[in-house]
């Protein structure tokens, strides 16, 4: 999970992460998207541009 956290922090320097990037990170790290979402919450990273219109 440390690899995922590092990528999240690198791709969201302003505390915002596009939804499409969250999915890309999940694929690259072979991690469930739900886990990426939980890590974003822990790291205080806001998901923007949600593909599902949820955020």
PDB file of N, CA and C in Angstrom:
ATOM      1  N   UNK A   1       0.811  -1.203   0.000  1.00  0.00           N
ATOM      2  CA  UNK A   1       0.000   0.000   0.000  1.00  0.00           C
ATOM      3  C   UNK A   1       0.854   1.267   0.000  1.00  0.00           C
ATOM      4  N   UNK A   2       2.095   1.153   0.423  1.00  0.00           N
ATOM      5  CA  UNK A   2       2.969   2.327   0.442  1.00  0.00           C
ATOM      6  C   UNK A   2       3.217   2.847  -0.974  1.00  0.00           C
ATOM      7  N   UNK A   3       3.321   1.917  -1.929  1.00  0.00           N
ATOM      8  CA  UNK A   3       3.506   2.325  -3.321  1.00  0.00           C
ATOM      9  C   UNK A   3       2.298   3.123  -3.813  1.00  0.00           C
ATOM     10  N   UNK A   4       1.109   2.668  -3.448  1.00  0.00           N
ATOM     11  CA  UNK A   4      -0.121   3.349  -3.858  1.00  0.00           C
ATOM     12  C   UNK A   4      -0.169   4.733  -3.219  1.00  0.00           C
ATOM     13  N   UNK A   5       0.144   4.817  -1.937  1.00  0.00           N
ATOM     14  CA  UNK A   5       0.138   6.113  -1.240  1.00  0.00           C
ATOM     15  C   UNK A   5       1.105   7.088  -1.903  1.00  0.00           C
ATOM     16  N   UNK A   6       2.284   6.595  -2.241  1.00  0.00           N
ATOM     17  CA  UNK A   6       3.295   7.441  -2.865  1.00  0.00           C
ATOM     18  C   UNK A   6       2.797   7.984  -4.205  1.00  0.00           C
ATOM     19  N   UNK A   7       2.205   7.106  -5.011  1.00  0.00           N
ATOM     20  CA  UNK A   7       1.691   7.539  -6.316  1.00  0.00           C
ATOM     21  C   UNK A   7       0.558   8.548  -6.152  1.00  0.00           C
ATOM     22  N   UNK A   8      -0.306   8.317  -5.181  1.00  0.00           N
ATOM     23  CA  UNK A   8      -1.407   9.251  -4.942  1.00  0.00           C
ATOM     24  C   UNK A   8      -0.874  10.629  -4.575  1.00  0.00           C
ATOM     25  N   UNK A   9       0.101  10.662  -3.705  1.00  0.00           N
ATOM     26  CA  UNK A   9       0.668  11.933  -3.277  1.00  0.00           C
ATOM     27  C   UNK A   9       1.398  12.631  -4.429  1.00  0.00           C
ATOM     28  N   UNK A  10       2.076  11.863  -5.264  1.00  0.00           N
ATOM     29  CA  UNK A  10       2.802  12.441  -6.398  1.00  0.00           C
ATOM     30  C   UNK A  10       1.858  13.026  -7.449  1.00  0.00           C
ATOM     31  N   UNK A  11       0.710  12.397  -7.636  1.00  0.00           N
ATOM     32  CA  UNK A  11      -0.204  12.825  -8.701  1.00  0.00           C
ATOM     33  C   UNK A  11      -1.256  13.823  -8.215  1.00  0.00           C
ATOM     34  N   UNK A  12      -1.215  14.177  -6.943  1.00  0.00           N
ATOM     35  CA  UNK A  12      -2.184  15.152  -6.422  1.00  0.00           C
ATOM     36  C   UNK A  12      -1.492  16.175  -5.525  1.00  0.00           C
ATOM     37  N   UNK A  13      -0.557  16.941  -6.085  1.00  0.00           N
ATOM     38  CA  UNK A  13       0.184  17.901  -5.260  1.00  0.00           C
ATOM     39  C   UNK A  13      -0.700  18.988  -4.639  1.00  0.00           C
ATOM     40  N   UNK A  14      -1.834  19.251  -5.246  1.00  0.00           N
ATOM     41  CA  UNK A  14      -2.741  20.267  -4.711  1.00  0.00           C
ATOM     42  C   UNK A  14      -3.883  19.654  -3.902  1.00  0.00           C
ATOM     43  N   UNK A  15      -3.778  18.352  -3.593  1.00  0.00           N
ATOM     44  CA  UNK A  15      -4.809  17.690  -2.792  1.00  0.00           C
ATOM     45  C   UNK A  15      -6.046  17.293  -3.577  1.00  0.00           C
ATOM     46  N   UNK A  16      -5.931  17.314  -4.897  1.00  0.00           N
ATOM     47  CA  UNK A  16      -7.048  16.946  -5.762  1.00  0.00           C
ATOM     48  C   UNK A  16      -6.559  15.922  -6.776  1.00  0.00           C
ATOM     49  N   UNK A  17      -7.358  14.892  -6.985  1.00  0.00           N
ATOM     50  CA  UNK A  17      -6.979  13.817  -7.896  1.00  0.00           C
ATOM     51  C   UNK A  17      -8.132  13.524  -8.851  1.00  0.00           C
ATOM     52  N   UNK A  18      -7.895  13.638 -10.159  1.00  0.00           N
ATOM     53  CA  UNK A  18      -8.953  13.285 -11.110  1.00  0.00           C
ATOM     54  C   UNK A  18      -9.316  11.800 -10.981  1.00  0.00           C
ATOM     55  N   UNK A  19     -10.571  11.527 -11.090  1.00  0.00           N
ATOM     56  CA  UNK A  19     -11.082  10.162 -10.963  1.00  0.00           C
ATOM     57  C   UNK A  19     -10.357   9.202 -11.908  1.00  0.00           C
ATOM     58  N   UNK A  20     -10.145   9.641 -13.128  1.00  0.00           N
ATOM     59  CA  UNK A  20      -9.490   8.784 -14.110  1.00  0.00           C
ATOM     60  C   UNK A  20      -8.089   8.385 -13.639  1.00  0.00           C
ATOM     61  N   UNK A  21      -7.399   9.275 -12.933  1.00  0.00           N
ATOM     62  CA  UNK A  21      -6.065   8.959 -12.406  1.00  0.00           C
ATOM     63  C   UNK A  21      -6.158   7.947 -11.264  1.00  0.00           C
ATOM     64  N   UNK A  22      -7.205   8.037 -10.465  1.00  0.00           N
ATOM     65  CA  UNK A  22      -7.400   7.067  -9.380  1.00  0.00           C
ATOM     66  C   UNK A  22      -7.562   5.664  -9.974  1.00  0.00           C
ATOM     67  N   UNK A  23      -8.333   5.550 -11.034  1.00  0.00           N
ATOM     68  CA  UNK A  23      -8.510   4.252 -11.696  1.00  0.00           C
ATOM     69  C   UNK A  23      -7.191   3.765 -12.303  1.00  0.00           C
ATOM     70  N   UNK A  24      -6.431   4.687 -12.894  1.00  0.00           N
ATOM     71  CA  UNK A  24      -5.153   4.328 -13.502  1.00  0.00           C
ATOM     72  C   UNK A  24      -4.177   3.805 -12.438  1.00  0.00           C
ATOM     73  N   UNK A  25      -4.105   4.477 -11.316  1.00  0.00           N
ATOM     74  CA  UNK A  25      -3.226   4.051 -10.223  1.00  0.00           C
ATOM     75  C   UNK A  25      -3.651   2.680  -9.711  1.00  0.00           C
ATOM     76  N   UNK A  26      -4.951   2.466  -9.577  1.00  0.00           N
ATOM     77  CA  UNK A  26      -5.457   1.166  -9.116  1.00  0.00           C
ATOM     78  C   UNK A  26      -5.020   0.054 -10.067  1.00  0.00           C
ATOM     79  N   UNK A  27      -5.135   0.308 -11.375  1.00  0.00           N
ATOM     80  CA  UNK A  27      -4.710  -0.690 -12.371  1.00  0.00           C
ATOM     81  C   UNK A  27      -3.214  -0.941 -12.300  1.00  0.00           C
ATOM     82  N   UNK A  28      -2.439   0.140 -12.273  1.00  0.00           N
ATOM     83  CA  UNK A  28      -0.975   0.019 -12.258  1.00  0.00           C
ATOM     84  C   UNK A  28      -0.466  -0.735 -11.029  1.00  0.00           C
ATOM     85  N   UNK A  29      -1.117  -0.521  -9.903  1.00  0.00           N
ATOM     86  CA  UNK A  29      -0.667  -1.137  -8.645  1.00  0.00           C
ATOM     87  C   UNK A  29      -1.416  -2.419  -8.328  1.00  0.00           C
ATOM     88  N   UNK A  30      -2.305  -2.838  -9.238  1.00  0.00           N
ATOM     89  CA  UNK A  30      -3.121  -4.039  -9.019  1.00  0.00           C
ATOM     90  C   UNK A  30      -3.806  -3.987  -7.655  1.00  0.00           C
ATOM     91  N   UNK A  31      -4.499  -2.879  -7.439  1.00  0.00           N
ATOM     92  CA  UNK A  31      -5.159  -2.591  -6.161  1.00  0.00           C
ATOM     93  C   UNK A  31      -6.634  -2.297  -6.441  1.00  0.00           C
ATOM     94  N   UNK A  32      -7.540  -2.770  -5.604  1.00  0.00           N
ATOM     95  CA  UNK A  32      -8.957  -2.451  -5.819  1.00  0.00           C
ATOM     96  C   UNK A  32      -9.199  -0.948  -5.761  1.00  0.00           C
ATOM     97  N   UNK A  33     -10.066  -0.448  -6.620  1.00  0.00           N
ATOM     98  CA  UNK A  33     -10.356   0.981  -6.656  1.00  0.00           C
ATOM     99  C   UNK A  33     -10.919   1.450  -5.309  1.00  0.00           C
ATOM    100  N   UNK A  34     -11.644   0.593  -4.619  1.00  0.00           N
ATOM    101  CA  UNK A  34     -12.183   0.962  -3.302  1.00  0.00           C
ATOM    102  C   UNK A  34     -11.049   1.250  -2.319  1.00  0.00           C
ATOM    103  N   UNK A  35      -9.976   0.502  -2.414  1.00  0.00           N
ATOM    104  CA  UNK A  35      -8.820   0.727  -1.538  1.00  0.00           C
ATOM    105  C   UNK A  35      -8.154   2.059  -1.873  1.00  0.00           C
ATOM    106  N   UNK A  36      -8.079   2.386  -3.151  1.00  0.00           N
ATOM    107  CA  UNK A  36      -7.526   3.680  -3.563  1.00  0.00           C
ATOM    108  C   UNK A  36      -8.381   4.799  -2.978  1.00  0.00           C
ATOM    109  N   UNK A  37      -9.686   4.640  -3.022  1.00  0.00           N
ATOM    110  CA  UNK A  37     -10.590   5.631  -2.441  1.00  0.00           C
ATOM    111  C   UNK A  37     -10.373   5.802  -0.942  1.00  0.00           C
ATOM    112  N   UNK A  38     -10.203   4.696  -0.232  1.00  0.00           N
ATOM    113  CA  UNK A  38      -9.940   4.762   1.208  1.00  0.00           C
ATOM    114  C   UNK A  38      -8.634   5.483   1.500  1.00  0.00           C
ATOM    115  N   UNK A  39      -7.615   5.188   0.703  1.00  0.00           N
ATOM    116  CA  UNK A  39      -6.323   5.842   0.892  1.00  0.00           C
ATOM    117  C   UNK A  39      -6.423   7.344   0.599  1.00  0.00           C
ATOM    118  N   UNK A  40      -7.204   7.700  -0.402  1.00  0.00           N
ATOM    119  CA  UNK A  40      -7.417   9.127  -0.687  1.00  0.00           C
ATOM    120  C   UNK A  40      -8.044   9.813   0.521  1.00  0.00           C
ATOM    121  N   UNK A  41      -9.013   9.172   1.132  1.00  0.00           N
ATOM    122  CA  UNK A  41      -9.633   9.740   2.331  1.00  0.00           C
ATOM    123  C   UNK A  41      -8.608   9.905   3.443  1.00  0.00           C
ATOM    124  N   UNK A  42      -7.793   8.891   3.668  1.00  0.00           N
ATOM    125  CA  UNK A  42      -6.768   8.947   4.711  1.00  0.00           C
ATOM    126  C   UNK A  42      -5.778  10.081   4.464  1.00  0.00           C
ATOM    127  N   UNK A  43      -5.424  10.282   3.196  1.00  0.00           N
ATOM    128  CA  UNK A  43      -4.426  11.282   2.828  1.00  0.00           C
ATOM    129  C   UNK A  43      -5.045  12.662   2.590  1.00  0.00           C
ATOM    130  N   UNK A  44      -6.345  12.769   2.793  1.00  0.00           N
ATOM    131  CA  UNK A  44      -7.070  14.039   2.593  1.00  0.00           C
ATOM    132  C   UNK A  44      -6.967  14.522   1.142  1.00  0.00           C
ATOM    133  N   UNK A  45      -7.069  13.563   0.213  1.00  0.00           N
ATOM    134  CA  UNK A  45      -7.038  13.877  -1.215  1.00  0.00           C
ATOM    135  C   UNK A  45      -8.468  13.816  -1.739  1.00  0.00           C
ATOM    136  N   UNK A  46      -8.897  14.881  -2.381  1.00  0.00           N
ATOM    137  CA  UNK A  46     -10.255  14.952  -2.916  1.00  0.00           C
ATOM    138  C   UNK A  46     -10.268  14.438  -4.352  1.00  0.00           C
ATOM    139  N   UNK A  47     -11.197  13.549  -4.643  1.00  0.00           N
ATOM    140  CA  UNK A  47     -11.365  13.033  -5.999  1.00  0.00           C
ATOM    141  C   UNK A  47     -12.255  13.986  -6.767  1.00  0.00           C
ATOM    142  N   UNK A  48     -11.771  14.421  -7.934  1.00  0.00           N
ATOM    143  CA  UNK A  48     -12.518  15.386  -8.758  1.00  0.00           C
ATOM    144  C   UNK A  48     -12.758  14.776 -10.139  1.00  0.00           C
ATOM    145  N   UNK A  49     -13.746  15.336 -10.822  1.00  0.00           N
ATOM    146  CA  UNK A  49     -14.052  14.862 -12.172  1.00  0.00           C
ATOM    147  C   UNK A  49     -14.488  13.411 -12.196  1.00  0.00           C
ATOM    148  N   UNK A  50     -15.356  13.052 -11.259  1.00  0.00           N
ATOM    149  CA  UNK A  50     -15.777  11.658 -11.113  1.00  0.00           C
ATOM    150  C   UNK A  50     -16.480  11.164 -12.378  1.00  0.00           C
ATOM    151  N   UNK A  51     -16.050  10.021 -12.826  1.00  0.00           N
ATOM    152  CA  UNK A  51     -16.634   9.419 -14.025  1.00  0.00           C
ATOM    153  C   UNK A  51     -18.066   8.935 -13.780  1.00  0.00           C
ATOM    154  N   UNK A  52     -18.398   8.706 -12.522  1.00  0.00           N
ATOM    155  CA  UNK A  52     -19.743   8.219 -12.191  1.00  0.00           C
ATOM    156  C   UNK A  52     -20.652   9.333 -11.695  1.00  0.00           C
ATOM    157  N   UNK A  53     -20.126  10.534 -11.540  1.00  0.00           N
ATOM    158  CA  UNK A  53     -20.908  11.657 -11.061  1.00  0.00           C
ATOM    159  C   UNK A  53     -21.206  11.592  -9.579  1.00  0.00           C
ATOM    160  N   UNK A  54     -20.379  10.913  -8.817  1.00  0.00           N
ATOM    161  CA  UNK A  54     -20.619  10.743  -7.386  1.00  0.00           C
ATOM    162  C   UNK A  54     -19.914  11.787  -6.529  1.00  0.00           C
ATOM    163  N   UNK A  55     -18.860  12.398  -7.033  1.00  0.00           N
ATOM    164  CA  UNK A  55     -18.087  13.350  -6.218  1.00  0.00           C
ATOM    165  C   UNK A  55     -18.148  14.730  -6.812  1.00  0.00           C
TER     166      UNK A  55
END
